[in-house]
C-alpha cells in the first residue's frame, strides 16, 4: 500500500510544530546558561531519577546539603532518553529545582518497542525482573513464557512470584504447583506470597527485594500494587480491583516512579513495564528466550530444520528424552506460529 502524501498545509503545520519545539528548547538552554553565568546553580553532584515527567524529572540528591531531598529538574538538550533509575550529575537551583548536566553509565537498561517498532527505554540499572502471577486471573504457561522470552532478552535475571496464595484451593493448586515446578526445574527462582497472608511470607518477599533495584511485570489483576502497598503502607498507592464479572484487572499506576523500600532495596513501578510484546523479535530472539532450547539450535541434522518432527531434529530428541517438556515445546511453537502470522 502506497504511503499517503501530506498536503502542503499538513507539511507546513508539522514544520511549524517542530520549529516551535526547537525554539522552546533553545530558550530553555539560554535560561540555563544564564543561571550558570550568574552563579544561580550549585556545584555538580550525584542524583537519582525518581520519576519522569517528559523533559522534567524528579531527582533525589545523593550527596550535598540536599541529600535525600527531591528536586524538579530540567534536562540539558544534549542528554537524551533519561529514565527512572538513571544516575545523573545535576546542579541544584533555587526552591527545590535544578538542571541535569550528565548521565552516568548504566549497568542494565529495560526497553520495549513502541507501535512504530522503535525501542523505548523504560527503566535503568535494574537488578532483577519479578514476574508476578496469581491463581486469579488463572496463570497460563504460554503467557508466562512470553514474559520470560522478553525478560531473557534483556539479560536481566527473572524471578517468578506467585501472589495471592490465599486463593489456592484443592481444585487449582495441583495445576499451579505443576506449572511452577516446571520453571523451578529450569533454574528460575520461584517465591510464593500473599498480601493477605502471613508475616513470614511477606518477609520472604522483602528478602527478595533487599539491596536490589526491582521491577514488577505481569498481567493486570495479579496484585502488583497490593504487594507494594503491603511492603510500604505509608505510600498512597491506589490498588486496582479485579472485576467480579470478567476476572480481569485494571491498571492503577500512571507514572513511572522509584520507591525506596524499608528493607534497603528500590522498586520501580510503571505501566510501561507491566507488559511486553514479542512482535518485534526475530526467531533467534524467541529461541534465545527458551533457556533449555537455545543451546540445542544448530545441532539438528538439517540446517533448515523447522523442529516439526523432521528426522534428526535435536529439539525432537530432547523432547523425547525429557530435556524439554511437552508444555514448553508447545508454547515455543505457538509463539513462533503467532509471530509468523503477525
Foldseek 3Di string as FASTA:
>chain_A
DDDDDDDPVVVVVVVVVVVVVVVVLVVVVVVVVVCVVVVQWADKAKWFFFFDDPQWTWTAGCDDPRHRDTATEGERPVDDQDEGGWMFIWIDGPDRYTYTDGTDDFPFWQWAADPVRDIHTYHTNFQAEEEEDEPFVPDDLLQVLQVLLSRLLRVHAYAYEYEPPVPDDPVRVVVVVVSVVVVVVVVHHYAYYYLPDDPVSLVVVLVVQAPGEYEYAYFAPRQPQSNVCSQPVVDPFDTWHQDPVPSHTDDGDDIWGWDQTPNHGIYTYHPVRHDHDCLSDDLLSSQSSPVLRNVQQPQAPDNPDPPPPDPRRSVVVCCVVVSDDPSVVVSSVVVVVVSVVD
